[in-house]
PDB file of N, CA and C in Angstrom:
ATOM      1  N   UNK A   1      36.317 -19.502   5.248  1.00  0.00           N
ATOM      2  CA  UNK A   1      37.367 -18.579   4.958  1.00  0.00           C
ATOM      3  C   UNK A   1      37.245 -18.171   3.493  1.00  0.00           C
ATOM      4  N   UNK A   2      37.016 -16.926   3.243  1.00  0.00           N
ATOM      5  CA  UNK A   2      36.873 -16.419   1.895  1.00  0.00           C
ATOM      6  C   UNK A   2      38.249 -16.000   1.410  1.00  0.00           C
ATOM      7  N   UNK A   3      38.600 -16.459   0.239  1.00  0.00           N
ATOM      8  CA  UNK A   3      39.881 -16.081  -0.330  1.00  0.00           C
ATOM      9  C   UNK A   3      39.665 -15.522  -1.716  1.00  0.00           C
ATOM     10  N   UNK A   4      40.271 -14.397  -1.984  1.00  0.00           N
ATOM     11  CA  UNK A   4      40.265 -13.831  -3.325  1.00  0.00           C
ATOM     12  C   UNK A   4      41.697 -13.854  -3.796  1.00  0.00           C
ATOM     13  N   UNK A   5      41.929 -14.576  -4.841  1.00  0.00           N
ATOM     14  CA  UNK A   5      43.274 -14.694  -5.373  1.00  0.00           C
ATOM     15  C   UNK A   5      43.293 -13.988  -6.720  1.00  0.00           C
ATOM     16  N   UNK A   6      44.113 -12.966  -6.826  1.00  0.00           N
ATOM     17  CA  UNK A   6      44.267 -12.285  -8.100  1.00  0.00           C
ATOM     18  C   UNK A   6      45.425 -12.927  -8.835  1.00  0.00           C
ATOM     19  N   UNK A   7      45.139 -13.387 -10.005  1.00  0.00           N
ATOM     20  CA  UNK A   7      46.156 -14.037 -10.800  1.00  0.00           C
ATOM     21  C   UNK A   7      46.361 -13.215 -12.060  1.00  0.00           C
ATOM     22  N   UNK A   8      47.570 -12.757 -12.250  1.00  0.00           N
ATOM     23  CA  UNK A   8      47.867 -12.018 -13.475  1.00  0.00           C
ATOM     24  C   UNK A   8      48.978 -12.763 -14.203  1.00  0.00           C
ATOM     25  N   UNK A   9      48.769 -12.995 -15.456  1.00  0.00           N
ATOM     26  CA  UNK A   9      49.747 -13.734 -16.236  1.00  0.00           C
ATOM     27  C   UNK A   9      50.032 -12.995 -17.527  1.00  0.00           C
ATOM     28  N   UNK A  10      51.285 -12.965 -17.888  1.00  0.00           N
ATOM     29  CA  UNK A  10      51.663 -12.414 -19.176  1.00  0.00           C
ATOM     30  C   UNK A  10      51.753 -13.558 -20.160  1.00  0.00           C
ATOM     31  N   UNK A  11      51.138 -13.374 -21.296  1.00  0.00           N
ATOM     32  CA  UNK A  11      51.163 -14.422 -22.313  1.00  0.00           C
ATOM     33  C   UNK A  11      51.522 -13.799 -23.650  1.00  0.00           C
ATOM     34  N   UNK A  12      52.361 -14.454 -24.384  1.00  0.00           N
ATOM     35  CA  UNK A  12      52.761 -13.955 -25.700  1.00  0.00           C
ATOM     36  C   UNK A  12      51.643 -14.208 -26.696  1.00  0.00           C
ATOM     37  N   UNK A  13      51.397 -13.249 -27.533  1.00  0.00           N
ATOM     38  CA  UNK A  13      50.388 -13.417 -28.586  1.00  0.00           C
ATOM     39  C   UNK A  13      50.937 -14.349 -29.656  1.00  0.00           C
ATOM     40  N   UNK A  14      50.073 -15.153 -30.227  1.00  0.00           N
ATOM     41  CA  UNK A  14      50.497 -16.094 -31.258  1.00  0.00           C
ATOM     42  C   UNK A  14      50.985 -15.325 -32.479  1.00  0.00           C
ATOM     43  N   UNK A  15      52.165 -15.661 -32.950  1.00  0.00           N
ATOM     44  CA  UNK A  15      52.691 -15.043 -34.153  1.00  0.00           C
ATOM     45  C   UNK A  15      53.108 -13.599 -33.973  1.00  0.00           C
ATOM     46  N   UNK A  16      53.201 -13.123 -32.750  1.00  0.00           N
ATOM     47  CA  UNK A  16      53.549 -11.732 -32.504  1.00  0.00           C
ATOM     48  C   UNK A  16      54.505 -11.657 -31.335  1.00  0.00           C
ATOM     49  N   UNK A  17      55.349 -10.654 -31.366  1.00  0.00           N
ATOM     50  CA  UNK A  17      56.279 -10.483 -30.254  1.00  0.00           C
ATOM     51  C   UNK A  17      55.671  -9.620 -29.151  1.00  0.00           C
ATOM     52  N   UNK A  18      54.488  -9.089 -29.384  1.00  0.00           N
ATOM     53  CA  UNK A  18      53.833  -8.242 -28.381  1.00  0.00           C
ATOM     54  C   UNK A  18      53.288  -9.101 -27.250  1.00  0.00           C
ATOM     55  N   UNK A  19      53.317  -8.582 -26.036  1.00  0.00           N
ATOM     56  CA  UNK A  19      52.774  -9.282 -24.882  1.00  0.00           C
ATOM     57  C   UNK A  19      51.370  -8.776 -24.595  1.00  0.00           C
ATOM     58  N   UNK A  20      50.536  -9.677 -24.141  1.00  0.00           N
ATOM     59  CA  UNK A  20      49.167  -9.321 -23.782  1.00  0.00           C
ATOM     60  C   UNK A  20      48.955  -9.655 -22.314  1.00  0.00           C
ATOM     61  N   UNK A  21      48.419  -8.732 -21.578  1.00  0.00           N
ATOM     62  CA  UNK A  21      48.136  -8.951 -20.163  1.00  0.00           C
ATOM     63  C   UNK A  21      46.791  -9.641 -20.030  1.00  0.00           C
ATOM     64  N   UNK A  22      46.772 -10.727 -19.279  1.00  0.00           N
ATOM     65  CA  UNK A  22      45.522 -11.405 -18.985  1.00  0.00           C
ATOM     66  C   UNK A  22      45.330 -11.346 -17.482  1.00  0.00           C
ATOM     67  N   UNK A  23      44.131 -10.986 -17.059  1.00  0.00           N
ATOM     68  CA  UNK A  23      43.858 -10.830 -15.633  1.00  0.00           C
ATOM     69  C   UNK A  23      42.704 -11.740 -15.231  1.00  0.00           C
ATOM     70  N   UNK A  24      42.895 -12.430 -14.092  1.00  0.00           N
ATOM     71  CA  UNK A  24      41.886 -13.343 -13.565  1.00  0.00           C
ATOM     72  C   UNK A  24      41.638 -13.012 -12.095  1.00  0.00           C
ATOM     73  N   UNK A  25      40.419 -13.269 -11.637  1.00  0.00           N
ATOM     74  CA  UNK A  25      40.096 -13.252 -10.206  1.00  0.00           C
ATOM     75  C   UNK A  25      39.625 -14.647  -9.856  1.00  0.00           C
ATOM     76  N   UNK A  26      40.060 -15.111  -8.687  1.00  0.00           N
ATOM     77  CA  UNK A  26      39.618 -16.427  -8.245  1.00  0.00           C
ATOM     78  C   UNK A  26      39.040 -16.301  -6.843  1.00  0.00           C
ATOM     79  N   UNK A  27      37.849 -16.839  -6.659  1.00  0.00           N
ATOM     80  CA  UNK A  27      37.163 -16.817  -5.373  1.00  0.00           C
ATOM     81  C   UNK A  27      37.093 -18.236  -4.846  1.00  0.00           C
ATOM     82  N   UNK A  28      37.353 -18.404  -3.563  1.00  0.00           N
ATOM     83  CA  UNK A  28      37.144 -19.681  -2.866  1.00  0.00           C
ATOM     84  C   UNK A  28      36.280 -19.370  -1.660  1.00  0.00           C
ATOM     85  N   UNK A  29      35.062 -19.878  -1.678  1.00  0.00           N
ATOM     86  CA  UNK A  29      34.082 -19.535  -0.654  1.00  0.00           C
ATOM     87  C   UNK A  29      33.590 -20.818   0.005  1.00  0.00           C
ATOM     88  N   UNK A  30      33.796 -20.930   1.306  1.00  0.00           N
ATOM     89  CA  UNK A  30      33.321 -22.101   2.043  1.00  0.00           C
ATOM     90  C   UNK A  30      31.792 -22.170   1.980  1.00  0.00           C
ATOM     91  N   UNK A  31      31.273 -23.373   1.832  1.00  0.00           N
ATOM     92  CA  UNK A  31      29.828 -23.557   1.727  1.00  0.00           C
ATOM     93  C   UNK A  31      29.066 -23.022   2.920  1.00  0.00           C
ATOM     94  N   UNK A  32      29.645 -23.142   4.131  1.00  0.00           N
ATOM     95  CA  UNK A  32      28.945 -22.648   5.322  1.00  0.00           C
ATOM     96  C   UNK A  32      29.025 -21.128   5.461  1.00  0.00           C
ATOM     97  N   UNK A  33      29.710 -20.450   4.543  1.00  0.00           N
ATOM     98  CA  UNK A  33      29.748 -18.984   4.533  1.00  0.00           C
ATOM     99  C   UNK A  33      28.770 -18.389   3.527  1.00  0.00           C
ATOM    100  N   UNK A  34      28.077 -19.252   2.783  1.00  0.00           N
ATOM    101  CA  UNK A  34      27.137 -18.787   1.752  1.00  0.00           C
ATOM    102  C   UNK A  34      25.727 -18.810   2.312  1.00  0.00           C
ATOM    103  N   UNK A  35      25.065 -17.668   2.264  1.00  0.00           N
ATOM    104  CA  UNK A  35      23.674 -17.568   2.717  1.00  0.00           C
ATOM    105  C   UNK A  35      22.704 -17.827   1.568  1.00  0.00           C
ATOM    106  N   UNK A  36      22.977 -17.226   0.404  1.00  0.00           N
ATOM    107  CA  UNK A  36      22.076 -17.395  -0.736  1.00  0.00           C
ATOM    108  C   UNK A  36      22.799 -17.013  -2.023  1.00  0.00           C
ATOM    109  N   UNK A  37      22.174 -17.344  -3.144  1.00  0.00           N
ATOM    110  CA  UNK A  37      22.697 -16.971  -4.454  1.00  0.00           C
ATOM    111  C   UNK A  37      21.506 -16.613  -5.347  1.00  0.00           C
ATOM    112  N   UNK A  38      21.693 -15.596  -6.163  1.00  0.00           N
ATOM    113  CA  UNK A  38      20.603 -15.172  -7.044  1.00  0.00           C
ATOM    114  C   UNK A  38      21.200 -14.477  -8.275  1.00  0.00           C
ATOM    115  N   UNK A  39      20.377 -14.394  -9.298  1.00  0.00           N
ATOM    116  CA  UNK A  39      20.774 -13.635 -10.482  1.00  0.00           C
ATOM    117  C   UNK A  39      20.482 -12.162 -10.250  1.00  0.00           C
ATOM    118  N   UNK A  40      21.346 -11.311 -10.759  1.00  0.00           N
ATOM    119  CA  UNK A  40      21.112  -9.874 -10.708  1.00  0.00           C
ATOM    120  C   UNK A  40      20.304  -9.464 -11.926  1.00  0.00           C
ATOM    121  N   UNK A  41      19.905  -8.197 -11.961  1.00  0.00           N
ATOM    122  CA  UNK A  41      19.132  -7.726 -13.108  1.00  0.00           C
ATOM    123  C   UNK A  41      19.960  -7.816 -14.395  1.00  0.00           C
ATOM    124  N   UNK A  42      19.308  -8.174 -15.481  1.00  0.00           N
ATOM    125  CA  UNK A  42      19.990  -8.328 -16.772  1.00  0.00           C
ATOM    126  C   UNK A  42      19.511  -7.240 -17.724  1.00  0.00           C
ATOM    127  N   UNK A  43      20.445  -6.501 -18.249  1.00  0.00           N
ATOM    128  CA  UNK A  43      20.141  -5.497 -19.254  1.00  0.00           C
ATOM    129  C   UNK A  43      20.570  -6.037 -20.614  1.00  0.00           C
ATOM    130  N   UNK A  44      19.991  -5.529 -21.670  1.00  0.00           N
ATOM    131  CA  UNK A  44      20.343  -5.964 -23.016  1.00  0.00           C
ATOM    132  C   UNK A  44      21.831  -5.701 -23.244  1.00  0.00           C
ATOM    133  N   UNK A  45      22.516  -6.697 -23.734  1.00  0.00           N
ATOM    134  CA  UNK A  45      23.942  -6.651 -24.069  1.00  0.00           C
ATOM    135  C   UNK A  45      24.862  -6.481 -22.860  1.00  0.00           C
ATOM    136  N   UNK A  46      24.339  -6.447 -21.657  1.00  0.00           N
ATOM    137  CA  UNK A  46      25.173  -6.421 -20.457  1.00  0.00           C
ATOM    138  C   UNK A  46      25.499  -7.858 -20.075  1.00  0.00           C
ATOM    139  N   UNK A  47      26.605  -8.050 -19.356  1.00  0.00           N
ATOM    140  CA  UNK A  47      26.911  -9.421 -18.922  1.00  0.00           C
ATOM    141  C   UNK A  47      25.894  -9.909 -17.887  1.00  0.00           C
ATOM    142  N   UNK A  48      25.755 -11.231 -17.795  1.00  0.00           N
ATOM    143  CA  UNK A  48      24.905 -11.827 -16.760  1.00  0.00           C
ATOM    144  C   UNK A  48      25.561 -11.564 -15.408  1.00  0.00           C
ATOM    145  N   UNK A  49      24.739 -11.452 -14.374  1.00  0.00           N
ATOM    146  CA  UNK A  49      25.244 -11.151 -13.035  1.00  0.00           C
ATOM    147  C   UNK A  49      24.761 -12.206 -12.053  1.00  0.00           C
ATOM    148  N   UNK A  50      25.683 -12.703 -11.229  1.00  0.00           N
ATOM    149  CA  UNK A  50      25.378 -13.649 -10.174  1.00  0.00           C
ATOM    150  C   UNK A  50      25.784 -13.006  -8.863  1.00  0.00           C
ATOM    151  N   UNK A  51      24.859 -12.965  -7.911  1.00  0.00           N
ATOM    152  CA  UNK A  51      25.125 -12.334  -6.615  1.00  0.00           C
ATOM    153  C   UNK A  51      25.115 -13.420  -5.548  1.00  0.00           C
ATOM    154  N   UNK A  52      26.242 -13.543  -4.844  1.00  0.00           N
ATOM    155  CA  UNK A  52      26.374 -14.517  -3.763  1.00  0.00           C
ATOM    156  C   UNK A  52      26.357 -13.749  -2.454  1.00  0.00           C
ATOM    157  N   UNK A  53      25.324 -13.990  -1.639  1.00  0.00           N
ATOM    158  CA  UNK A  53      25.220 -13.332  -0.329  1.00  0.00           C
ATOM    159  C   UNK A  53      25.894 -14.214   0.709  1.00  0.00           C
ATOM    160  N   UNK A  54      26.759 -13.602   1.504  1.00  0.00           N
ATOM    161  CA  UNK A  54      27.531 -14.329   2.497  1.00  0.00           C
ATOM    162  C   UNK A  54      26.951 -14.152   3.888  1.00  0.00           C
ATOM    163  N   UNK A  55      27.183 -15.137   4.738  1.00  0.00           N
ATOM    164  CA  UNK A  55      26.796 -15.049   6.145  1.00  0.00           C
ATOM    165  C   UNK A  55      27.592 -13.908   6.756  1.00  0.00           C
ATOM    166  N   UNK A  56      26.924 -13.071   7.554  1.00  0.00           N
ATOM    167  CA  UNK A  56      27.582 -11.903   8.130  1.00  0.00           C
ATOM    168  C   UNK A  56      27.240 -11.789   9.611  1.00  0.00           C
ATOM    169  N   UNK A  57      28.223 -11.346  10.399  1.00  0.00           N
ATOM    170  CA  UNK A  57      27.997 -11.114  11.828  1.00  0.00           C
ATOM    171  C   UNK A  57      27.339  -9.772  12.092  1.00  0.00           C
ATOM    172  N   UNK A  58      27.255  -8.940  11.060  1.00  0.00           N
ATOM    173  CA  UNK A  58      26.648  -7.620  11.209  1.00  0.00           C
ATOM    174  C   UNK A  58      25.316  -7.598  10.468  1.00  0.00           C
ATOM    175  N   UNK A  59      24.612  -6.499  10.609  1.00  0.00           N
ATOM    176  CA  UNK A  59      23.333  -6.375   9.906  1.00  0.00           C
ATOM    177  C   UNK A  59      23.537  -6.007   8.435  1.00  0.00           C
ATOM    178  N   UNK A  60      24.748  -5.560   8.093  1.00  0.00           N
ATOM    179  CA  UNK A  60      25.036  -5.218   6.704  1.00  0.00           C
ATOM    180  C   UNK A  60      25.282  -6.485   5.885  1.00  0.00           C
ATOM    181  N   UNK A  61      24.584  -6.631   4.777  1.00  0.00           N
ATOM    182  CA  UNK A  61      24.807  -7.812   3.952  1.00  0.00           C
ATOM    183  C   UNK A  61      26.183  -7.754   3.285  1.00  0.00           C
ATOM    184  N   UNK A  62      26.808  -8.904   3.166  1.00  0.00           N
ATOM    185  CA  UNK A  62      28.077  -9.016   2.450  1.00  0.00           C
ATOM    186  C   UNK A  62      27.788  -9.809   1.190  1.00  0.00           C
ATOM    187  N   UNK A  63      28.136  -9.238   0.056  1.00  0.00           N
ATOM    188  CA  UNK A  63      27.832  -9.879  -1.209  1.00  0.00           C
ATOM    189  C   UNK A  63      29.045  -9.868  -2.139  1.00  0.00           C
ATOM    190  N   UNK A  64      29.083 -10.874  -2.975  1.00  0.00           N
ATOM    191  CA  UNK A  64      30.046 -10.934  -4.062  1.00  0.00           C
ATOM    192  C   UNK A  64      29.222 -10.914  -5.333  1.00  0.00           C
ATOM    193  N   UNK A  65      29.547  -9.995  -6.234  1.00  0.00           N
ATOM    194  CA  UNK A  65      28.828  -9.906  -7.501  1.00  0.00           C
ATOM    195  C   UNK A  65      29.773 -10.311  -8.625  1.00  0.00           C
ATOM    196  N   UNK A  66      29.368 -11.330  -9.380  1.00  0.00           N
ATOM    197  CA  UNK A  66      30.161 -11.831 -10.493  1.00  0.00           C
ATOM    198  C   UNK A  66      29.453 -11.502 -11.797  1.00  0.00           C
ATOM    199  N   UNK A  67      30.224 -11.128 -12.794  1.00  0.00           N
ATOM    200  CA  UNK A  67      29.670 -10.867 -14.115  1.00  0.00           C
ATOM    201  C   UNK A  67      30.290 -11.842 -15.099  1.00  0.00           C
ATOM    202  N   UNK A  68      29.521 -12.197 -16.128  1.00  0.00           N
ATOM    203  CA  UNK A  68      30.034 -13.101 -17.150  1.00  0.00           C
ATOM    204  C   UNK A  68      29.247 -12.943 -18.434  1.00  0.00           C
ATOM    205  N   UNK A  69      29.969 -12.924 -19.549  1.00  0.00           N
ATOM    206  CA  UNK A  69      29.302 -12.921 -20.845  1.00  0.00           C
ATOM    207  C   UNK A  69      28.734 -14.297 -21.170  1.00  0.00           C
ATOM    208  N   UNK A  70      29.232 -15.322 -20.521  1.00  0.00           N
ATOM    209  CA  UNK A  70      28.687 -16.665 -20.683  1.00  0.00           C
ATOM    210  C   UNK A  70      27.570 -16.889 -19.682  1.00  0.00           C
ATOM    211  N   UNK A  71      26.760 -17.881 -19.906  1.00  0.00           N
ATOM    212  CA  UNK A  71      25.662 -18.181 -18.993  1.00  0.00           C
ATOM    213  C   UNK A  71      26.149 -18.576 -17.608  1.00  0.00           C
ATOM    214  N   UNK A  72      25.376 -18.252 -16.598  1.00  0.00           N
ATOM    215  CA  UNK A  72      25.730 -18.541 -15.211  1.00  0.00           C
ATOM    216  C   UNK A  72      24.766 -19.512 -14.547  1.00  0.00           C
ATOM    217  N   UNK A  73      23.904 -20.153 -15.320  1.00  0.00           N
ATOM    218  CA  UNK A  73      22.912 -21.076 -14.752  1.00  0.00           C
ATOM    219  C   UNK A  73      23.568 -22.230 -13.992  1.00  0.00           C
ATOM    220  N   UNK A  74      24.554 -22.880 -14.608  1.00  0.00           N
ATOM    221  CA  UNK A  74      25.222 -24.011 -13.954  1.00  0.00           C
ATOM    222  C   UNK A  74      26.000 -23.558 -12.727  1.00  0.00           C
ATOM    223  N   UNK A  75      26.612 -22.400 -12.802  1.00  0.00           N
ATOM    224  CA  UNK A  75      27.363 -21.890 -11.649  1.00  0.00           C
ATOM    225  C   UNK A  75      26.411 -21.614 -10.489  1.00  0.00           C
ATOM    226  N   UNK A  76      25.247 -21.064 -10.778  1.00  0.00           N
ATOM    227  CA  UNK A  76      24.261 -20.808  -9.727  1.00  0.00           C
ATOM    228  C   UNK A  76      23.866 -22.118  -9.043  1.00  0.00           C
ATOM    229  N   UNK A  77      23.626 -23.160  -9.829  1.00  0.00           N
ATOM    230  CA  UNK A  77      23.281 -24.466  -9.250  1.00  0.00           C
ATOM    231  C   UNK A  77      24.422 -25.019  -8.393  1.00  0.00           C
ATOM    232  N   UNK A  78      25.651 -24.863  -8.856  1.00  0.00           N
ATOM    233  CA  UNK A  78      26.815 -25.329  -8.097  1.00  0.00           C
ATOM    234  C   UNK A  78      26.880 -24.638  -6.747  1.00  0.00           C
ATOM    235  N   UNK A  79      26.667 -23.324  -6.732  1.00  0.00           N
ATOM    236  CA  UNK A  79      26.699 -22.561  -5.482  1.00  0.00           C
ATOM    237  C   UNK A  79      25.539 -22.981  -4.585  1.00  0.00           C
ATOM    238  N   UNK A  80      24.347 -23.167  -5.164  1.00  0.00           N
ATOM    239  CA  UNK A  80      23.186 -23.586  -4.370  1.00  0.00           C
ATOM    240  C   UNK A  80      23.438 -24.915  -3.657  1.00  0.00           C
ATOM    241  N   UNK A  81      24.063 -25.869  -4.344  1.00  0.00           N
ATOM    242  CA  UNK A  81      24.331 -27.175  -3.740  1.00  0.00           C
ATOM    243  C   UNK A  81      25.341 -27.088  -2.601  1.00  0.00           C
ATOM    244  N   UNK A  82      26.175 -26.052  -2.599  1.00  0.00           N
ATOM    245  CA  UNK A  82      27.200 -25.909  -1.562  1.00  0.00           C
ATOM    246  C   UNK A  82      26.720 -25.136  -0.336  1.00  0.00           C
ATOM    247  N   UNK A  83      25.588 -24.459  -0.419  1.00  0.00           N
ATOM    248  CA  UNK A  83      25.116 -23.621   0.682  1.00  0.00           C
ATOM    249  C   UNK A  83      25.020 -24.426   1.974  1.00  0.00           C
ATOM    250  N   UNK A  84      25.683 -23.924   3.006  1.00  0.00           N
ATOM    251  CA  UNK A  84      25.632 -24.525   4.330  1.00  0.00           C
ATOM    252  C   UNK A  84      26.551 -25.708   4.553  1.00  0.00           C
ATOM    253  N   UNK A  85      27.277 -26.145   3.542  1.00  0.00           N
ATOM    254  CA  UNK A  85      28.130 -27.325   3.648  1.00  0.00           C
ATOM    255  C   UNK A  85      29.542 -26.938   4.083  1.00  0.00           C
ATOM    256  N   UNK A  86      29.889 -27.243   5.327  1.00  0.00           N
ATOM    257  CA  UNK A  86      31.216 -26.911   5.865  1.00  0.00           C
ATOM    258  C   UNK A  86      32.304 -27.817   5.305  1.00  0.00           C
ATOM    259  N   UNK A  87      31.938 -28.889   4.610  1.00  0.00           N
ATOM    260  CA  UNK A  87      32.941 -29.820   4.104  1.00  0.00           C
ATOM    261  C   UNK A  87      33.329 -29.555   2.647  1.00  0.00           C
ATOM    262  N   UNK A  88      32.836 -28.451   2.083  1.00  0.00           N
ATOM    263  CA  UNK A  88      33.205 -28.125   0.708  1.00  0.00           C
ATOM    264  C   UNK A  88      33.243 -26.612   0.508  1.00  0.00           C
ATOM    265  N   UNK A  89      33.899 -26.220  -0.571  1.00  0.00           N
ATOM    266  CA  UNK A  89      33.925 -24.809  -0.949  1.00  0.00           C
ATOM    267  C   UNK A  89      33.661 -24.697  -2.439  1.00  0.00           C
ATOM    268  N   UNK A  90      33.301 -23.488  -2.853  1.00  0.00           N
ATOM    269  CA  UNK A  90      33.073 -23.206  -4.260  1.00  0.00           C
ATOM    270  C   UNK A  90      34.271 -22.404  -4.755  1.00  0.00           C
ATOM    271  N   UNK A  91      34.832 -22.857  -5.855  1.00  0.00           N
ATOM    272  CA  UNK A  91      35.945 -22.135  -6.473  1.00  0.00           C
ATOM    273  C   UNK A  91      35.458 -21.564  -7.792  1.00  0.00           C
ATOM    274  N   UNK A  92      35.563 -20.249  -7.930  1.00  0.00           N
ATOM    275  CA  UNK A  92      35.087 -19.555  -9.123  1.00  0.00           C
ATOM    276  C   UNK A  92      36.238 -18.730  -9.682  1.00  0.00           C
ATOM    277  N   UNK A  93      36.503 -18.896 -10.966  1.00  0.00           N
ATOM    278  CA  UNK A  93      37.535 -18.121 -11.639  1.00  0.00           C
ATOM    279  C   UNK A  93      36.873 -17.256 -12.704  1.00  0.00           C
ATOM    280  N   UNK A  94      37.193 -15.973 -12.690  1.00  0.00           N
ATOM    281  CA  UNK A  94      36.640 -15.020 -13.648  1.00  0.00           C
ATOM    282  C   UNK A  94      37.788 -14.449 -14.477  1.00  0.00           C
ATOM    283  N   UNK A  95      37.681 -14.565 -15.778  1.00  0.00           N
ATOM    284  CA  UNK A  95      38.663 -13.976 -16.700  1.00  0.00           C
ATOM    285  C   UNK A  95      38.206 -12.543 -16.982  1.00  0.00           C
ATOM    286  N   UNK A  96      38.979 -11.580 -16.511  1.00  0.00           N
ATOM    287  CA  UNK A  96      38.587 -10.170 -16.601  1.00  0.00           C
ATOM    288  C   UNK A  96      39.030  -9.481 -17.886  1.00  0.00           C
ATOM    289  N   UNK A  97      39.839 -10.147 -18.680  1.00  0.00           N
ATOM    290  CA  UNK A  97      40.300  -9.572 -19.949  1.00  0.00           C
ATOM    291  C   UNK A  97      39.998 -10.533 -21.097  1.00  0.00           C
ATOM    292  N   UNK A  98      38.866 -11.182 -21.017  1.00  0.00           N
ATOM    293  CA  UNK A  98      38.487 -12.183 -22.024  1.00  0.00           C
ATOM    294  C   UNK A  98      38.154 -11.520 -23.352  1.00  0.00           C
ATOM    295  N   UNK A  99      38.289 -12.287 -24.398  1.00  0.00           N
ATOM    296  CA  UNK A  99      37.954 -11.813 -25.733  1.00  0.00           C
ATOM    297  C   UNK A  99      36.466 -12.056 -25.982  1.00  0.00           C
ATOM    298  N   UNK A 100      35.641 -11.336 -25.203  1.00  0.00           N
ATOM    299  CA  UNK A 100      34.188 -11.429 -25.308  1.00  0.00           C
ATOM    300  C   UNK A 100      33.631 -10.016 -25.440  1.00  0.00           C
ATOM    301  N   UNK A 101      32.337  -9.909 -25.614  1.00  0.00           N
ATOM    302  CA  UNK A 101      31.723  -8.588 -25.821  1.00  0.00           C
ATOM    303  C   UNK A 101      32.043  -7.608 -24.697  1.00  0.00           C
ATOM    304  N   UNK A 102      31.908  -8.041 -23.445  1.00  0.00           N
ATOM    305  CA  UNK A 102      32.155  -7.159 -22.309  1.00  0.00           C
ATOM    306  C   UNK A 102      33.499  -7.432 -21.624  1.00  0.00           C
ATOM    307  N   UNK A 103      34.224  -8.433 -22.109  1.00  0.00           N
ATOM    308  CA  UNK A 103      35.557  -8.707 -21.583  1.00  0.00           C
ATOM    309  C   UNK A 103      35.602  -9.480 -20.281  1.00  0.00           C
ATOM    310  N   UNK A 104      34.469 -10.062 -19.848  1.00  0.00           N
ATOM    311  CA  UNK A 104      34.457 -10.857 -18.619  1.00  0.00           C
ATOM    312  C   UNK A 104      33.737 -12.178 -18.862  1.00  0.00           C
ATOM    313  N   UNK A 105      34.306 -13.248 -18.307  1.00  0.00           N
ATOM    314  CA  UNK A 105      33.640 -14.541 -18.418  1.00  0.00           C
ATOM    315  C   UNK A 105      34.088 -15.434 -17.263  1.00  0.00           C
ATOM    316  N   UNK A 106      33.129 -16.134 -16.667  1.00  0.00           N
ATOM    317  CA  UNK A 106      33.448 -17.108 -15.634  1.00  0.00           C
ATOM    318  C   UNK A 106      33.965 -18.343 -16.361  1.00  0.00           C
ATOM    319  N   UNK A 107      35.220 -18.703 -16.076  1.00  0.00           N
ATOM    320  CA  UNK A 107      35.840 -19.843 -16.747  1.00  0.00           C
ATOM    321  C   UNK A 107      35.811 -21.105 -15.898  1.00  0.00           C
ATOM    322  N   UNK A 108      35.558 -20.960 -14.591  1.00  0.00           N
ATOM    323  CA  UNK A 108      35.488 -22.117 -13.699  1.00  0.00           C
ATOM    324  C   UNK A 108      34.506 -21.817 -12.578  1.00  0.00           C
ATOM    325  N   UNK A 109      33.697 -22.798 -12.268  1.00  0.00           N
ATOM    326  CA  UNK A 109      32.789 -22.722 -11.125  1.00  0.00           C
ATOM    327  C   UNK A 109      32.596 -24.152 -10.649  1.00  0.00           C
ATOM    328  N   UNK A 110      33.295 -24.499  -9.573  1.00  0.00           N
ATOM    329  CA  UNK A 110      33.305 -25.891  -9.126  1.00  0.00           C
ATOM    330  C   UNK A 110      33.129 -25.972  -7.616  1.00  0.00           C
ATOM    331  N   UNK A 111      32.461 -27.032  -7.196  1.00  0.00           N
ATOM    332  CA  UNK A 111      32.339 -27.353  -5.771  1.00  0.00           C
ATOM    333  C   UNK A 111      33.422 -28.372  -5.443  1.00  0.00           C
ATOM    334  N   UNK A 112      34.235 -28.066  -4.450  1.00  0.00           N
ATOM    335  CA  UNK A 112      35.391 -28.896  -4.125  1.00  0.00           C
ATOM    336  C   UNK A 112      35.304 -29.317  -2.671  1.00  0.00           C
ATOM    337  N   UNK A 113      35.502 -30.600  -2.416  1.00  0.00           N
ATOM    338  CA  UNK A 113      35.490 -31.133  -1.055  1.00  0.00           C
ATOM    339  C   UNK A 113      36.771 -30.730  -0.334  1.00  0.00           C
ATOM    340  N   UNK A 114      36.628 -30.424   0.945  1.00  0.00           N
ATOM    341  CA  UNK A 114      37.782 -30.098   1.785  1.00  0.00           C
ATOM    342  C   UNK A 114      38.454 -31.406   2.176  1.00  0.00           C
ATOM    343  N   UNK A 115      39.751 -31.572   1.857  1.00  0.00           N
ATOM    344  CA  UNK A 115      40.435 -32.828   2.190  1.00  0.00           C
ATOM    345  C   UNK A 115      40.434 -33.077   3.698  1.00  0.00           C
ATOM    346  N   UNK A 116      40.158 -34.313   4.074  1.00  0.00           N
ATOM    347  CA  UNK A 116      40.213 -34.704   5.479  1.00  0.00           C
ATOM    348  C   UNK A 116      39.039 -34.247   6.318  1.00  0.00           C
ATOM    349  N   UNK A 117      37.998 -33.743   5.696  1.00  0.00           N
ATOM    350  CA  UNK A 117      36.847 -33.277   6.469  1.00  0.00           C
ATOM    351  C   UNK A 117      35.916 -34.403   6.742  1.00  0.00           C
TER     352      UNK A 117
END
């Protein structure tokens, strides 16, 4: 079961009365729904790209593309270890309004066991 949770939080700026909008996307992808994971093409000064291909009942590929100004090597390994595992899912959180060059960074990428499986 693929879940995309959009989390938006208002946070007060330090020392200021102005509010800043912070936006996050969170993905929860069951291991048995992941077909493959690979890096996308990297351009100079562009964020790194991770492409997760999902199992599909149709001939059309289903993919999730994640971008991050931080490295995605460890996240790729985490996703690879979860491929085909029905007893765990990968939880990935992306900060879409980060204070980085391109404003996006993966802040969490974890493999989590399904309770009671």
